[in-house]
Protein backbone atom coordinates (compact mmCIF):
# COMPACT_ATOMS: atom_id res chain seq x y z
CA MET A 1 20.37 -14.68 7.42
CA GLU A 2 23.42 -15.80 9.35
CA PRO A 3 22.78 -18.75 11.67
CA ALA A 4 22.65 -17.81 15.33
CA PRO A 5 25.82 -18.55 17.31
CA GLY A 6 25.77 -22.10 18.62
CA LEU A 7 23.01 -23.17 16.21
CA ARG A 8 23.48 -26.72 14.96
CA PRO A 9 24.91 -26.60 11.42
CA GLU A 10 22.03 -28.63 9.97
CA VAL A 11 19.48 -26.19 11.42
CA GLY A 12 21.30 -23.20 9.95
CA ALA A 13 21.61 -24.96 6.59
CA LEU A 14 17.90 -25.84 6.59
CA ILE A 15 16.93 -22.24 7.42
CA HIS A 16 19.09 -21.01 4.53
CA TYR A 17 17.52 -23.61 2.22
CA TYR A 18 13.97 -22.47 2.98
CA GLU A 19 14.81 -18.74 2.88
CA THR A 20 16.28 -19.16 -0.61
CA LEU A 21 13.85 -21.85 -1.86
CA THR A 22 13.11 -21.87 -5.59
CA PRO A 23 11.27 -24.45 -7.70
CA ALA A 24 14.62 -25.79 -8.93
CA ALA A 25 15.95 -26.15 -5.37
CA ILE A 26 13.11 -28.53 -4.45
CA ASN A 27 15.18 -31.28 -6.09
CA ARG A 28 17.78 -30.81 -3.31
CA LEU A 29 15.31 -31.55 -0.49
CA GLY A 30 16.94 -34.97 0.05
CA ASP A 31 20.10 -33.16 1.16
CA PHE A 32 18.15 -32.02 4.24
CA TYR A 33 15.43 -34.65 4.77
CA ALA A 34 15.75 -38.39 5.45
CA ALA A 35 14.21 -40.63 2.79
CA ASP A 36 11.29 -41.56 5.08
CA ALA A 37 10.76 -38.12 6.66
CA GLN A 38 7.26 -37.11 7.70
CA LEU A 39 5.72 -33.67 7.05
CA LYS A 40 2.47 -32.62 8.70
CA ASP A 41 0.77 -29.23 8.50
CA PRO A 42 -2.87 -28.09 8.57
CA PHE A 43 -3.37 -29.33 4.98
CA ASN A 44 -0.87 -32.16 4.49
CA ASP A 45 0.28 -35.34 6.20
CA VAL A 46 2.84 -37.02 3.96
CA SER A 47 5.88 -39.24 4.28
CA GLY A 48 8.96 -39.52 2.09
CA VAL A 49 11.04 -37.00 0.20
CA PRO A 50 9.04 -37.28 -3.08
CA ALA A 51 5.76 -36.54 -1.23
CA ILE A 52 7.28 -33.55 0.60
CA GLN A 53 8.70 -32.28 -2.69
CA ALA A 54 5.18 -32.51 -4.18
CA VAL A 55 3.84 -30.32 -1.34
CA LEU A 56 6.50 -27.69 -2.07
CA ARG A 57 5.85 -27.83 -5.82
CA ARG A 58 2.11 -27.27 -5.20
CA MET A 59 3.00 -24.23 -3.09
CA PHE A 60 4.82 -22.68 -6.07
CA GLU A 61 1.84 -23.54 -8.34
CA GLN A 62 -0.80 -22.09 -6.00
CA VAL A 63 0.82 -18.79 -4.99
CA GLU A 64 3.28 -16.31 -6.44
CA ALA A 65 6.55 -15.25 -4.84
CA PRO A 66 6.41 -17.53 -1.78
CA CYS A 67 9.06 -16.52 0.74
CA PHE A 68 10.03 -17.84 4.18
CA ARG A 69 11.81 -15.69 6.78
CA PHE A 70 12.89 -17.21 10.07
CA GLY A 71 13.09 -15.54 13.45
CA ASN A 72 14.06 -17.19 16.70
CA SER A 73 15.11 -20.82 16.83
CA LEU A 74 15.08 -23.08 19.84
CA VAL A 75 17.27 -26.15 19.59
CA GLN A 76 17.62 -28.90 22.16
CA GLY A 77 19.32 -32.16 21.37
CA ASP A 78 17.94 -33.58 18.13
CA GLU A 79 14.90 -31.26 18.05
CA ALA A 80 14.30 -27.68 16.94
CA MET A 81 11.44 -25.18 16.99
CA LEU A 82 11.74 -22.59 14.24
CA ILE A 83 9.57 -19.47 14.23
CA TRP A 84 8.84 -18.22 10.73
CA ASP A 85 6.90 -15.77 8.61
CA PHE A 86 5.69 -16.79 5.18
CA SER A 87 4.75 -14.20 2.57
CA TYR A 88 3.15 -14.74 -0.83
CA ARG A 89 0.99 -13.14 -3.49
CA LEU A 90 -2.26 -14.56 -4.76
CA PRO A 91 -2.39 -15.40 -8.48
CA LEU A 92 -3.38 -12.40 -10.59
CA PRO A 93 -7.14 -13.00 -10.95
CA LEU A 94 -7.57 -13.41 -7.17
CA ARG A 95 -5.17 -10.56 -6.46
CA LEU A 96 -7.35 -8.19 -8.51
CA LEU A 97 -10.46 -9.38 -6.68
CA ALA A 98 -8.78 -8.99 -3.29
CA ARG A 99 -7.25 -5.62 -4.17
CA ARG A 100 -4.33 -6.58 -2.04
CA GLY A 101 -0.74 -7.39 -2.90
CA THR A 102 1.24 -9.49 -0.47
CA TYR A 103 -0.20 -11.74 2.20
CA GLY A 104 1.58 -13.35 5.08
CA MET A 105 1.25 -15.88 7.83
CA HIS A 106 3.12 -16.59 11.03
CA GLY A 107 3.94 -20.07 12.26
CA VAL A 108 6.28 -22.48 13.96
CA SER A 109 7.95 -25.65 12.72
CA HIS A 110 8.84 -28.50 15.06
CA LEU A 111 11.70 -30.55 13.61
CA ARG A 112 13.38 -33.76 14.69
CA PHE A 113 16.73 -34.81 13.23
CA ASP A 114 18.24 -38.27 12.79
CA ALA A 115 21.83 -39.21 13.70
CA ALA A 116 23.01 -38.05 10.24
CA GLY A 117 21.54 -34.57 10.85
CA LYS A 118 18.63 -34.97 8.41
CA VAL A 119 15.03 -34.06 9.21
CA ILE A 120 12.92 -37.11 10.05
CA TYR A 121 9.90 -35.24 11.42
CA HIS A 122 8.58 -31.82 10.37
CA ARG A 123 5.35 -30.50 11.88
CA ASP A 124 4.10 -27.00 11.05
CA TYR A 125 1.75 -25.15 13.38
CA TRP A 126 -0.23 -22.13 12.22
CA ASP A 127 -3.79 -20.86 12.58
CA THR A 128 -5.53 -21.50 9.25
CA ALA A 129 -8.47 -19.25 10.11
CA GLU A 130 -6.49 -16.19 11.18
CA GLU A 131 -3.48 -16.63 8.93
CA LEU A 132 -5.21 -17.75 5.73
CA TYR A 133 -9.00 -17.89 5.48
CA GLU A 134 -9.68 -14.46 7.03
CA LYS A 135 -7.44 -12.89 4.39
CA LEU A 136 -9.05 -14.45 1.33
CA PRO A 137 -11.60 -12.53 -0.75
CA GLY A 138 -15.17 -13.45 0.21
CA VAL A 139 -14.22 -16.14 2.70
CA GLY A 140 -12.46 -13.59 4.89
CA SER A 141 -15.63 -11.62 5.63
CA LEU A 142 -17.43 -14.79 6.69
CA MET A 143 -14.53 -15.96 8.90
CA ARG A 144 -14.14 -12.55 10.58
CA GLY A 145 -17.89 -12.49 11.27
CA LEU A 146 -17.76 -15.97 12.80
CA ARG A 147 -14.84 -14.93 14.99
CA ARG A 148 -16.80 -11.91 16.26
CA LEU A 149 -19.84 -14.10 17.03
CA THR A 150 -17.79 -16.55 19.08
CA SER A 151 -15.74 -13.93 20.94
């Protein structure tokens, strides 16, 4: 993906990093994140590059073929909102149980950059029930039923 015209270079570089992320590339996270950066999402609240790297390594251990694709980006000053889609496959035993190949989720990342252009704050927003639990074998039926009861 080519960065949008006028997009801050560090935002475009970060988007490219995540869209081409591999287990080996996790070691380069410090090129994009400040040493004391904070990452918060529905499952993690960690600080520091080694802790954020551990979150990314777990992602590659828990799912197969994880892939980020970014859509619109809103940048103002030292902050950015990045809209993304994340696709993945469940590990083989779960994939056979689910009888489904690729899963996906939609979310937004709020980023704040320091004066050097590195991420100091990264907060991911996504609906864990709709985007994850409802799609899992077994759990999904329960979550969809609960949603219908509360609607």
